[in-house]
Protein backbone atom coordinates (compact mmCIF):
# COMPACT_ATOMS: atom_id res chain seq x y z
CA UNK A 1 -41.74 -18.22 1.81
CA UNK A 2 -40.45 -14.99 0.20
CA UNK A 3 -38.64 -12.41 2.14
CA UNK A 4 -39.19 -8.82 0.41
CA UNK A 5 -36.24 -6.45 0.66
CA UNK A 6 -37.55 -2.89 1.77
CA UNK A 7 -36.65 -0.26 -0.93
CA UNK A 8 -35.00 2.06 1.53
CA UNK A 9 -32.51 -0.85 2.68
CA UNK A 10 -31.68 -2.74 -0.39
CA UNK A 11 -28.35 -3.51 -1.62
CA UNK A 12 -26.39 -0.77 -3.71
CA UNK A 13 -28.12 -1.53 -6.89
CA UNK A 14 -31.01 0.41 -8.87
CA UNK A 15 -33.14 -0.21 -11.52
CA UNK A 16 -35.54 -3.18 -9.92
CA UNK A 17 -36.69 -5.34 -12.61
CA UNK A 18 -39.50 -7.90 -12.77
CA UNK A 19 -37.35 -11.04 -12.83
CA UNK A 20 -39.18 -14.01 -11.10
CA UNK A 21 -38.47 -14.13 -7.41
CA UNK A 22 -36.75 -17.49 -7.55
CA UNK A 23 -33.39 -15.93 -8.78
CA UNK A 24 -31.21 -12.77 -8.22
CA UNK A 25 -30.35 -11.11 -11.34
CA UNK A 26 -27.38 -8.63 -11.53
CA UNK A 27 -27.24 -7.43 -15.41
CA UNK A 28 -24.86 -5.03 -16.84
CA UNK A 29 -26.08 -1.68 -18.17
CA UNK A 30 -24.25 1.16 -20.22
CA UNK A 31 -24.61 3.36 -17.15
CA UNK A 32 -22.64 0.98 -15.19
CA UNK A 33 -25.40 0.12 -12.81
CA UNK A 34 -26.89 -3.17 -12.02
CA UNK A 35 -30.38 -4.77 -11.43
CA UNK A 36 -31.76 -6.77 -8.77
CA UNK A 37 -35.13 -8.22 -8.20
CA UNK A 38 -37.61 -6.72 -5.78
CA UNK A 39 -37.47 -10.04 -3.61
CA UNK A 40 -35.62 -13.32 -3.02
CA UNK A 41 -37.30 -16.71 -2.99
CA UNK A 42 -35.64 -17.25 0.32
CA UNK A 43 -32.91 -15.12 1.89
CA UNK A 44 -29.34 -17.04 1.99
CA UNK A 45 -29.56 -19.32 4.86
CA UNK A 46 -27.20 -21.07 6.89
CA UNK A 47 -26.53 -24.00 4.34
CA UNK A 48 -25.43 -21.02 1.84
CA UNK A 49 -23.18 -19.51 4.74
CA UNK A 50 -21.59 -22.88 5.63
CA UNK A 51 -20.73 -23.93 2.01
CA UNK A 52 -19.35 -20.23 1.36
CA UNK A 53 -17.26 -20.41 4.60
CA UNK A 54 -16.12 -23.89 3.84
CA UNK A 55 -14.30 -22.33 0.60
CA UNK A 56 -13.16 -19.24 2.08
CA UNK A 57 -11.45 -21.52 4.85
CA UNK A 58 -9.99 -23.80 1.93
CA UNK A 59 -8.09 -20.83 0.56
CA UNK A 60 -7.33 -18.87 3.61
CA UNK A 61 -5.95 -21.80 5.60
CA UNK A 62 -3.61 -22.75 2.83
CA UNK A 63 -1.99 -19.33 3.28
CA UNK A 64 -0.71 -20.64 7.00
CA UNK A 65 -0.84 -24.40 6.33
CA UNK A 66 2.40 -24.57 5.12
CA UNK A 67 3.92 -22.56 7.99
CA UNK A 68 4.14 -25.58 10.23
CA UNK A 69 5.06 -28.11 7.69
CA UNK A 70 7.25 -25.97 5.57
CA UNK A 71 10.58 -26.50 7.29
CA UNK A 72 10.13 -30.11 7.14
CA UNK A 73 9.23 -29.84 3.21
CA UNK A 74 12.16 -27.69 2.65
CA UNK A 75 14.60 -30.00 4.33
CA UNK A 76 13.02 -33.12 2.24
CA UNK A 77 13.19 -31.06 -1.09
CA UNK A 78 16.63 -29.85 0.00
CA UNK A 79 15.38 -26.20 -0.49
CA UNK A 80 17.74 -23.04 0.03
CA UNK A 81 16.75 -20.22 2.46
CA UNK A 82 15.62 -18.22 -0.74
CA UNK A 83 13.53 -21.16 -2.11
CA UNK A 84 12.21 -21.56 1.52
CA UNK A 85 10.75 -18.04 1.37
CA UNK A 86 9.54 -18.38 -2.45
CA UNK A 87 7.03 -21.29 -1.37
CA UNK A 88 5.20 -18.76 0.63
CA UNK A 89 5.68 -15.91 -1.57
CA UNK A 90 4.91 -17.55 -4.89
CA UNK A 91 1.43 -18.39 -3.34
CA UNK A 92 0.46 -14.93 -2.37
CA UNK A 93 2.18 -13.25 -5.54
CA UNK A 94 -0.35 -15.06 -7.68
CA UNK A 95 -3.17 -14.57 -5.21
CA UNK A 96 -2.64 -10.79 -5.11
CA UNK A 97 -1.58 -10.05 -8.50
CA UNK A 98 -4.79 -11.71 -9.91
CA UNK A 99 -6.98 -9.56 -7.69
CA UNK A 100 -7.72 -6.72 -10.25
CA UNK A 101 -8.83 -9.48 -12.78
CA UNK A 102 -11.48 -11.07 -10.79
CA UNK A 103 -14.08 -8.11 -11.09
CA UNK A 104 -13.91 -7.52 -14.83
CA UNK A 105 -13.98 -11.53 -15.45
CA UNK A 106 -17.11 -11.62 -13.14
CA UNK A 107 -18.78 -9.29 -15.11
CA UNK A 108 -18.11 -11.23 -18.32
CA UNK A 109 -18.65 -14.73 -17.01
CA UNK A 110 -20.58 -14.22 -13.81
CA UNK A 111 -19.54 -14.81 -10.15
CA UNK A 112 -20.39 -18.43 -9.95
CA UNK A 113 -18.17 -19.31 -13.05
CA UNK A 114 -15.36 -17.59 -11.37
CA UNK A 115 -15.75 -18.87 -8.17
CA UNK A 116 -16.26 -22.65 -9.53
CA UNK A 117 -13.23 -22.15 -11.99
CA UNK A 118 -11.01 -20.93 -8.92
CA UNK A 119 -11.81 -23.87 -6.81
CA UNK A 120 -11.16 -26.36 -9.53
CA UNK A 121 -7.69 -24.40 -9.99
CA UNK A 122 -7.01 -24.56 -6.61
CA UNK A 123 -7.71 -28.26 -6.11
CA UNK A 124 -5.74 -29.48 -9.14
CA UNK A 125 -2.62 -27.34 -8.05
CA UNK A 126 -3.03 -28.79 -4.45
CA UNK A 127 -2.54 -32.29 -6.28
CA UNK A 128 0.63 -31.02 -7.81
CA UNK A 129 1.79 -29.78 -4.74
CA UNK A 130 1.53 -32.80 -2.83
CA UNK A 131 3.44 -34.86 -5.75
CA UNK A 132 6.19 -32.22 -5.78
CA UNK A 133 9.78 -33.64 -6.12
CA UNK A 134 11.71 -30.37 -6.03
CA UNK A 135 11.64 -27.00 -4.73
CA UNK A 136 10.98 -25.51 -8.18
CA UNK A 137 8.14 -27.92 -8.72
CA UNK A 138 6.62 -27.06 -5.44
CA UNK A 139 7.00 -23.22 -5.95
CA UNK A 140 5.56 -23.46 -9.53
CA UNK A 141 2.68 -25.53 -8.21
CA UNK A 142 1.93 -23.02 -5.15
CA UNK A 143 1.75 -20.31 -7.90
CA UNK A 144 -0.96 -21.76 -9.41
CA UNK A 145 -2.79 -22.58 -6.29
CA UNK A 146 -2.32 -18.77 -5.50
CA UNK A 147 -4.75 -18.00 -8.87
CA UNK A 148 -7.30 -20.27 -7.63
CA UNK A 149 -7.19 -19.03 -3.95
CA UNK A 150 -7.55 -15.55 -4.80
CA UNK A 151 -10.53 -15.99 -7.18
CA UNK A 152 -12.27 -18.07 -4.24
CA UNK A 153 -11.56 -15.21 -1.57
CA UNK A 154 -12.66 -12.36 -3.81
CA UNK A 155 -15.56 -14.36 -5.09
CA UNK A 156 -17.19 -15.43 -1.80
CA UNK A 157 -16.87 -12.09 -0.14
CA UNK A 158 -18.39 -10.21 -3.17
CA UNK A 159 -20.87 -12.71 -3.66
CA UNK A 160 -22.10 -12.16 -0.08
CA UNK A 161 -22.00 -8.45 -0.51
CA UNK A 162 -24.25 -8.90 -3.60
CA UNK A 163 -26.91 -11.23 -2.30
CA UNK A 164 -27.27 -10.21 1.36
CA UNK A 165 -29.42 -7.27 2.57
CA UNK A 166 -27.92 -4.23 4.67
CA UNK A 167 -29.56 -5.70 7.95
CA UNK A 168 -27.88 -9.30 7.60
CA UNK A 169 -24.48 -7.61 6.07
CA UNK A 170 -23.03 -7.36 9.55
CA UNK A 171 -24.02 -10.98 10.56
CA UNK A 172 -22.38 -12.34 7.44
CA UNK A 173 -19.28 -10.46 7.39
CA UNK A 174 -18.74 -11.21 11.06
CA UNK A 175 -19.19 -14.80 10.01
CA UNK A 176 -16.73 -14.79 7.31
CA UNK A 177 -14.42 -12.77 9.22
CA UNK A 178 -14.31 -15.49 12.00
CA UNK A 179 -13.94 -18.15 9.36
CA UNK A 180 -10.81 -16.15 7.97
CA UNK A 181 -9.40 -15.98 11.81
CA UNK A 182 -10.33 -19.69 12.28
CA UNK A 183 -7.84 -20.46 9.48
CA UNK A 184 -5.21 -19.10 11.48
CA UNK A 185 -6.10 -21.95 14.06
CA UNK A 186 -6.61 -24.63 11.46
CA UNK A 187 -3.68 -23.78 9.20
CA UNK A 188 -0.76 -24.53 11.73
CA UNK A 189 -2.34 -27.68 13.08
CA UNK A 190 -3.61 -29.13 9.65
CA UNK A 191 0.04 -28.55 8.35
CA UNK A 192 1.20 -30.70 11.00
CA UNK A 193 -1.28 -33.47 9.77
CA UNK A 194 -2.16 -33.74 6.33
CA UNK A 195 -0.58 -33.12 2.98
CA UNK A 196 -3.65 -33.61 0.78
CA UNK A 197 -6.43 -31.97 2.89
CA UNK A 198 -7.05 -29.57 0.15
CA UNK A 199 -8.18 -32.15 -2.53
CA UNK A 200 -11.36 -33.45 -0.41
CA UNK A 201 -12.27 -30.35 1.11
CA UNK A 202 -12.01 -28.59 -2.36
CA UNK A 203 -14.14 -31.05 -4.07
CA UNK A 204 -16.81 -30.96 -1.57
CA UNK A 205 -16.99 -27.48 -1.38
CA UNK A 206 -17.37 -27.31 -5.13
CA UNK A 207 -20.17 -29.85 -5.13
CA UNK A 208 -22.05 -28.02 -2.43
CA UNK A 209 -21.68 -24.73 -3.92
CA UNK A 210 -22.97 -25.61 -7.02
CA UNK A 211 -26.26 -26.92 -5.68
CA UNK A 212 -26.65 -24.35 -2.89
CA UNK A 213 -26.28 -21.30 -5.42
CA UNK A 214 -28.12 -22.76 -8.28
CA UNK A 215 -31.12 -20.50 -7.24
CA UNK A 216 -29.14 -17.40 -7.26
CA UNK A 217 -27.92 -16.11 -10.70
CA UNK A 218 -24.90 -13.54 -9.88
CA UNK A 219 -24.22 -10.78 -12.51
CA UNK A 220 -24.68 -13.09 -15.57
CA UNK A 221 -25.08 -16.77 -16.32
CA UNK A 222 -22.34 -18.63 -18.00
CA UNK A 223 -24.71 -19.99 -20.29
CA UNK A 224 -25.59 -16.32 -21.39
CA UNK A 225 -22.27 -15.67 -22.61
CA UNK A 226 -22.02 -14.72 -26.03
CA UNK A 227 -18.68 -14.03 -28.42
CA UNK A 228 -20.58 -10.66 -29.18
CA UNK A 229 -21.26 -9.85 -26.01
CA UNK A 230 -17.83 -10.20 -24.73
CA UNK A 231 -16.61 -8.26 -27.71
CA UNK A 232 -18.82 -5.44 -26.56
CA UNK A 233 -17.78 -5.69 -23.25
CA UNK A 234 -14.35 -5.48 -23.94
CA UNK A 235 -14.39 -2.80 -26.62
CA UNK A 236 -16.75 -0.37 -24.33
CA UNK A 237 -16.32 -1.12 -20.77
CA UNK A 238 -13.64 -3.27 -19.99
CA UNK A 239 -10.64 -1.30 -17.92
CA UNK A 240 -7.67 -2.80 -19.60
CA UNK A 241 -5.26 -0.08 -18.63
CA UNK A 242 -6.40 -0.18 -15.01
CA UNK A 243 -5.83 -4.10 -14.86
CA UNK A 244 -2.52 -3.88 -16.34
CA UNK A 245 -1.32 -1.14 -14.09
CA UNK A 246 -2.31 -3.00 -10.90
CA UNK A 247 -1.41 -6.42 -11.95
CA UNK A 248 2.28 -5.17 -13.01
CA UNK A 249 2.39 -2.79 -10.09
CA UNK A 250 1.63 -5.71 -7.81
CA UNK A 251 4.10 -8.09 -9.42
CA UNK A 252 7.00 -5.59 -9.70
CA UNK A 253 6.53 -4.35 -5.98
CA UNK A 254 6.38 -8.05 -4.54
CA UNK A 255 9.34 -9.32 -6.65
CA UNK A 256 11.06 -6.23 -5.71
CA UNK A 257 10.88 -7.20 -1.81
CA UNK A 258 11.69 -10.65 -2.89
CA UNK A 259 14.79 -10.33 -4.57
CA UNK A 260 15.97 -8.04 -1.74
CA UNK A 261 16.93 -10.95 0.35
CA UNK A 262 19.38 -12.24 -2.21
CA UNK A 263 20.61 -9.13 -4.24
CA UNK A 264 20.33 -6.53 -1.10
CA UNK A 265 18.35 -3.62 -0.77
CA UNK A 266 20.64 -1.44 -2.72
CA UNK A 267 20.89 -3.41 -5.82
CA UNK A 268 19.69 -1.80 -8.99
CA UNK A 269 17.51 -4.53 -9.82
CA UNK A 270 15.52 -4.18 -6.55
CA UNK A 271 15.45 -0.49 -6.37
CA UNK A 272 14.04 -0.53 -10.06
CA UNK A 273 11.37 -2.96 -9.22
CA UNK A 274 10.28 -1.16 -6.09
CA UNK A 275 10.20 2.18 -7.80
CA UNK A 276 8.64 1.17 -10.76
CA UNK A 277 6.09 -0.97 -8.68
CA UNK A 278 4.84 1.78 -6.40
CA UNK A 279 4.75 4.02 -9.41
CA UNK A 280 2.55 1.81 -11.43
CA UNK A 281 0.15 1.13 -8.68
CA UNK A 282 -0.12 5.22 -7.99
CA UNK A 283 -0.71 5.52 -11.51
CA UNK A 284 -3.42 3.01 -11.33
CA UNK A 285 -4.99 4.91 -8.39
CA UNK A 286 -4.80 8.04 -10.47
CA UNK A 287 -6.42 6.29 -13.45
CA UNK A 288 -9.16 4.71 -11.62
CA UNK A 289 -10.42 8.14 -10.18
CA UNK A 290 -10.80 9.54 -13.60
CA UNK A 291 -11.49 6.66 -16.12
CA UNK A 292 -14.70 6.71 -18.20
CA UNK A 293 -14.92 2.87 -18.53
CA UNK A 294 -16.08 0.64 -15.64
CA UNK A 295 -13.62 0.95 -13.03
CA UNK A 296 -11.97 -2.00 -11.09
CA UNK A 297 -12.27 -0.18 -7.85
CA UNK A 298 -14.76 2.65 -7.35
CA UNK A 299 -13.11 6.21 -7.58
CA UNK A 300 -14.83 7.74 -4.59
CA UNK A 301 -12.68 5.09 -2.49
CA UNK A 302 -9.69 6.98 -3.44
CA UNK A 303 -10.93 10.50 -3.05
CA UNK A 304 -11.67 9.79 0.83
CA UNK A 305 -9.03 10.29 3.34
CA UNK A 306 -10.76 7.90 5.67
CA UNK A 307 -10.99 5.21 3.17
CA UNK A 308 -7.16 5.51 1.96
CA UNK A 309 -6.24 5.33 5.79
CA UNK A 310 -8.38 2.15 6.18
CA UNK A 311 -6.90 0.62 3.12
CA UNK A 312 -3.30 1.67 4.55
CA UNK A 313 -4.25 -0.17 8.07
CA UNK A 314 -5.46 -3.24 6.46
CA UNK A 315 -2.06 -3.34 4.37
CA UNK A 316 -0.10 -3.03 7.42
CA UNK A 317 -2.29 -5.43 9.70
CA UNK A 318 -1.57 -8.27 7.12
CA UNK A 319 2.24 -7.10 6.70
CA UNK A 320 2.34 -8.00 10.63
CA UNK A 321 0.07 -11.05 10.83
CA UNK A 322 1.02 -12.87 7.73
CA UNK A 323 5.03 -12.39 8.64
CA UNK A 324 4.14 -13.39 12.36
CA UNK A 325 2.48 -16.68 11.49
CA UNK A 326 5.43 -17.68 9.39
CA UNK A 327 8.23 -17.02 11.47
CA UNK A 328 6.75 -17.69 14.91
CA UNK A 329 6.36 -21.53 13.31
CA UNK A 330 10.22 -21.16 12.12
CA UNK A 331 11.10 -19.95 15.86
CA UNK A 332 9.23 -23.12 17.24
CA UNK A 333 10.58 -25.45 14.97
CA UNK A 334 13.87 -24.21 14.21
CA UNK A 335 14.98 -22.85 17.85
CA UNK A 336 12.85 -25.44 19.70
CA UNK A 337 13.27 -28.39 17.37
CA UNK A 338 9.72 -29.48 17.50
CA UNK A 339 7.50 -31.45 14.98
CA UNK A 340 4.90 -29.86 12.66
CA UNK A 341 1.93 -31.07 14.80
CA UNK A 342 3.53 -29.78 18.13
CA UNK A 343 4.40 -26.61 16.56
CA UNK A 344 0.66 -26.15 15.45
CA UNK A 345 -0.47 -26.82 19.10
CA UNK A 346 2.20 -24.21 20.24
CA UNK A 347 0.81 -21.61 18.13
CA UNK A 348 -2.74 -22.00 19.54
CA UNK A 349 -2.44 -18.95 21.74
CA UNK A 350 -1.46 -16.53 18.93
CA UNK A 351 -3.88 -18.37 16.13
CA UNK A 352 -6.80 -19.07 18.69
CA UNK A 353 -6.24 -15.83 20.68
CA UNK A 354 -6.82 -13.76 17.08
CA UNK A 355 -10.02 -15.99 16.38
CA UNK A 356 -11.52 -15.53 19.80
CA UNK A 357 -10.52 -12.21 20.02
CA UNK A 358 -12.80 -11.45 16.70
CA UNK A 359 -16.03 -12.84 18.04
CA UNK A 360 -16.84 -10.11 20.84
CA UNK A 361 -15.56 -7.50 18.93
CA UNK A 362 -17.63 -7.96 16.01
CA UNK A 363 -20.50 -8.41 18.28
CA UNK A 364 -19.94 -5.16 19.87
CA UNK A 365 -19.31 -3.52 16.56
CA UNK A 366 -22.49 -4.82 15.37
CA UNK A 367 -24.25 -3.32 18.53
CA UNK A 368 -22.86 0.10 18.62
CA UNK A 369 -23.36 0.35 14.65
CA UNK A 370 -27.08 -0.25 15.22
CA UNK A 371 -27.29 2.46 17.70
CA UNK A 372 -25.18 5.37 16.12
CA UNK A 373 -25.56 4.13 12.53
CA UNK A 374 -21.99 5.70 11.80
CA UNK A 375 -18.26 4.48 11.94
CA UNK A 376 -17.21 5.56 15.33
CA UNK A 377 -17.35 1.77 16.70
CA UNK A 378 -14.92 0.63 14.03
CA UNK A 379 -12.43 3.19 14.82
CA UNK A 380 -12.27 2.88 18.45
CA UNK A 381 -11.83 -0.88 18.20
CA UNK A 382 -9.19 -0.35 15.37
CA UNK A 383 -7.18 1.96 18.04
CA UNK A 384 -7.30 -0.61 20.77
CA UNK A 385 -6.38 -3.58 18.48
CA UNK A 386 -3.31 -1.60 17.09
CA UNK A 387 -2.19 -0.76 20.63
CA UNK A 388 -2.38 -4.29 21.74
CA UNK A 389 -0.91 -5.40 18.69
CA UNK A 390 2.14 -2.99 19.22
CA UNK A 391 2.70 -4.45 22.59
CA UNK A 392 2.59 -8.07 21.74
CA UNK A 393 5.16 -7.86 18.74
CA UNK A 394 7.50 -5.97 20.73
CA UNK A 395 7.13 -8.55 23.27
CA UNK A 396 7.82 -11.11 20.36
CA UNK A 397 11.47 -9.58 20.03
CA UNK A 398 12.36 -10.82 23.33
CA UNK A 399 11.88 -14.43 22.40
CA UNK A 400 15.19 -16.31 21.95
CA UNK A 401 16.62 -19.93 22.58
CA UNK A 402 16.36 -19.17 26.27
CA UNK A 403 12.85 -18.32 26.72
CA UNK A 404 10.83 -20.34 29.06
CA UNK A 405 7.21 -21.70 28.12
CA UNK A 406 5.24 -19.10 29.94
CA UNK A 407 6.74 -16.37 27.71
CA UNK A 408 6.76 -18.49 24.44
CA UNK A 409 2.93 -18.78 24.91
CA UNK A 410 1.95 -15.38 26.72
CA UNK A 411 3.62 -12.99 24.08
CA UNK A 412 2.28 -14.46 21.08
CA UNK A 413 -1.20 -14.66 22.78
CA UNK A 414 -1.40 -11.01 23.59
CA UNK A 415 -0.24 -10.25 19.77
CA UNK A 416 -2.85 -12.87 18.82
CA UNK A 417 -5.66 -10.55 20.42
CA UNK A 418 -4.66 -7.52 18.96
CA UNK A 419 -4.58 -8.73 15.31
CA UNK A 420 -7.77 -10.43 15.91
CA UNK A 421 -9.36 -7.35 16.83
CA UNK A 422 -8.57 -6.23 13.29
CA UNK A 423 -9.87 -8.97 11.22
CA UNK A 424 -13.28 -7.61 11.08
CA UNK A 425 -13.31 -3.71 11.71
CA UNK A 426 -11.41 -2.30 8.96
CA UNK A 427 -13.46 -4.20 6.22
CA UNK A 428 -16.55 -3.29 7.70
CA UNK A 429 -15.53 0.42 8.03
CA UNK A 430 -14.33 0.45 4.70
CA UNK A 431 -17.50 -1.07 3.07
CA UNK A 432 -20.20 0.60 5.47
CA UNK A 433 -18.65 3.91 4.86
CA UNK A 434 -18.70 3.70 1.04
CA UNK A 435 -21.96 4.41 -1.03
CA UNK A 436 -24.31 1.56 -1.67
CA UNK A 437 -23.46 1.49 -5.32
CA UNK A 438 -19.63 1.01 -4.72
CA UNK A 439 -19.80 -1.66 -1.72
CA UNK A 440 -18.80 -4.61 -4.31
CA UNK A 441 -16.05 -3.10 -5.81
CA UNK A 442 -14.30 -1.79 -2.81
CA UNK A 443 -14.49 -5.30 -1.39
CA UNK A 444 -12.16 -6.43 -4.33
CA UNK A 445 -10.01 -3.20 -3.55
CA UNK A 446 -9.95 -4.17 0.01
CA UNK A 447 -8.63 -7.65 -0.79
CA UNK A 448 -6.14 -6.40 -3.16
CA UNK A 449 -4.62 -4.28 -0.48
CA UNK A 450 -4.57 -6.78 2.05
CA UNK A 451 -2.96 -9.38 -0.12
CA UNK A 452 -0.22 -6.85 -1.01
CA UNK A 453 0.37 -6.45 2.68
CA UNK A 454 0.45 -10.03 3.43
CA UNK A 455 2.88 -11.00 0.52
CA UNK A 456 4.93 -7.68 1.08
CA UNK A 457 5.27 -8.47 4.65
CA UNK A 458 6.55 -12.15 4.15
CA UNK A 459 9.06 -10.79 1.53
CA UNK A 460 10.67 -8.27 3.83
CA UNK A 461 10.57 -10.42 6.57
CA UNK A 462 12.26 -13.08 4.66
CA UNK A 463 14.96 -10.53 3.54
CA UNK A 464 15.48 -9.38 6.85
CA UNK A 465 15.92 -12.89 8.59
CA UNK A 466 18.15 -14.11 5.67
CA UNK A 467 20.27 -10.99 6.14
CA UNK A 468 20.57 -11.37 9.74
CA UNK A 469 21.39 -14.98 9.63
CA UNK A 470 24.12 -14.37 7.19
CA UNK A 471 25.69 -11.99 9.37
CA UNK A 472 25.31 -13.86 12.82
CA UNK A 473 25.81 -17.21 11.81
CA UNK A 474 29.18 -18.85 13.05
CA UNK A 475 31.48 -19.89 10.07
CA UNK A 476 31.69 -23.44 11.22
CA UNK A 477 28.02 -23.81 11.24
CA UNK A 478 26.76 -26.90 9.66
CA UNK A 479 24.60 -25.00 7.03
CA UNK A 480 24.58 -21.67 5.62
CA UNK A 481 22.01 -18.93 5.19
CA UNK A 482 22.04 -19.14 1.23
CA UNK A 483 22.88 -22.62 0.71
CA UNK A 484 21.27 -25.68 0.72
CA UNK A 485 18.69 -26.10 3.64
CA UNK A 486 19.28 -28.54 6.53
CA UNK A 487 16.35 -29.79 8.53
CA UNK A 488 16.06 -26.79 10.79
CA UNK A 489 14.51 -29.13 13.71
CA UNK A 490 17.73 -30.97 14.15
CA UNK A 491 19.58 -27.52 15.24
CA UNK A 492 19.05 -28.70 18.86
CA UNK A 493 21.24 -31.84 18.17
CA UNK A 494 24.14 -30.15 16.64
CA UNK A 495 27.44 -30.91 18.61
CA UNK A 496 29.48 -29.87 20.40
CA UNK A 497 27.22 -27.82 22.89
CA UNK A 498 29.19 -24.36 22.15
CA UNK A 499 28.36 -24.60 18.45
CA UNK A 500 24.80 -25.52 19.01
CA UNK A 501 24.08 -22.61 21.43
CA UNK A 502 25.78 -20.07 18.98
CA UNK A 503 23.83 -21.42 15.81
CA UNK A 504 20.45 -21.33 17.86
CA UNK A 505 21.44 -17.81 18.96
CA UNK A 506 22.10 -16.70 15.47
CA UNK A 507 18.73 -18.03 14.21
CA UNK A 508 16.66 -16.90 17.07
CA UNK A 509 18.16 -13.24 16.73
CA UNK A 510 17.56 -13.10 13.08
CA UNK A 511 13.84 -14.23 13.66
CA UNK A 512 13.71 -11.73 16.39
CA UNK A 513 14.91 -9.06 13.79
CA UNK A 514 12.27 -10.19 11.29
CA UNK A 515 9.64 -9.60 13.93
CA UNK A 516 10.77 -6.15 14.43
CA UNK A 517 9.24 -5.58 10.82
CA UNK A 518 5.75 -6.02 12.55
CA UNK A 519 6.42 -3.63 15.34
CA UNK A 520 7.33 -0.89 12.59
CA UNK A 521 4.14 -1.99 10.82
CA UNK A 522 1.58 -1.67 13.54
CA UNK A 523 3.27 1.62 14.67
CA UNK A 524 2.61 3.02 11.61
CA UNK A 525 -0.93 1.88 11.80
CA UNK A 526 -1.53 3.57 15.11
CA UNK A 527 -0.10 6.89 13.87
CA UNK A 528 -2.68 6.65 10.66
CA UNK A 529 -5.69 6.42 12.54
CA UNK A 530 -6.27 9.57 14.45
CA UNK A 531 -6.03 11.40 11.31
CA UNK A 532 -9.16 10.25 9.52
CA UNK A 533 -11.92 12.01 8.87
CA UNK A 534 -15.03 12.46 10.99
CA UNK A 535 -17.24 9.55 11.37
CA UNK A 536 -19.67 8.86 8.56
CA UNK A 537 -23.51 8.10 8.79
CA UNK A 538 -24.00 5.37 6.76
CA UNK A 539 -26.00 4.72 3.41
CA UNK A 540 -28.15 2.01 2.90
């Protein structure tokens, strides 16, 4: 049974054609618009959501799955403190830097081709990670893995924006937001149980997606590809300059933050990378606003103060959340000496709290949005979530080697509730506030900013942690901040007791300083919100 799409509530696509109702066809036109059939054979159902969510869970879980297993892995591979950070940074660096590539690649080869290729790359790199014998091998493999993960995340969210009607959009985005937050639960626990988890899950997702999406043709099919068409696309429409500016700017910025941990913040190399990175990203934004080619990101988004502030909020939110996940796991394993699986259980108040908080918040947003048809509901939730996050991350800094069980679990729970309220609202506010024609590309922009925030947050927190550890570690400690890593879970066994207490205090205080980065991030977010424009009525 077909489900017609009312002409007043269609996706942001124009020029309806007469394609058979069994497929959804989006084709490029010289006016940079797209086409959509007037009806679907069947609207996307539960099975399509499950397999899309499975693929998303695969990519987002891997960003946190190493948080519990990384201290053990680092000890086995004799990784330095700098290599410890790079295992996480390398994954997010490539995941982030490749975001500007996915929209134009989808235009050339189709969304399904990009999605399936990304899953294959991810699974292949996961195999390499599991077989790693050195820290360098692991870092390179994680870099390749990040390329696949970035394509999965981008394709799943943009895909659902393309095939889901406006009436269903909030339900689907809530479901995917819940999947994202659920990865914060699964990642730490699964990291303590399995090493090769990504391989069977990835292959299963690839197989199921192939069959579940065969009735939908997104953008253009790979079988329609011709070298002549690609040449025409590259010459007339491909945004080469935008891609170069955003990719090089992202890489330069992230590397600048990462090198700061070893070279220092006043290093000419670090300053050059950061200045060039920010400058290139700014030039990319300016170029996108005026280019005559098919812009990677919608120019209208950069002209609206509301959308810019939402992007800033997303950036800072992920600075806090991602760095918090990594260094809370480090606190439990290094200061308390627990095993990876127990660490995952101890992190449940933070991860599960964020996931559960996102459910009622998303339902409230959906209800109020239908009632008011503007973005006020998102603004109120964002402000409340930022306030709770600020309190929670402020309490994080009080955690040390003497903290009791109640404080170790309650403080992360408060922070988790706050960040959980922000999983869905900023994305919904951005895409809902945009014109219908720009929603798909604004989704790509949102995730570029989100990933830059996550990567930068981990890099800055790593630099702050290592700097603090170098300053506070006793001279007779059995390891150094910049030397070969020891098994951090064994710090609780150091003798004599006076040395053990001094080492644990140095590690916990350094982690506490790293937690301070989250406070700065959420405070900046909170200051930004009140200055946004008046709530927008939504175009459908």
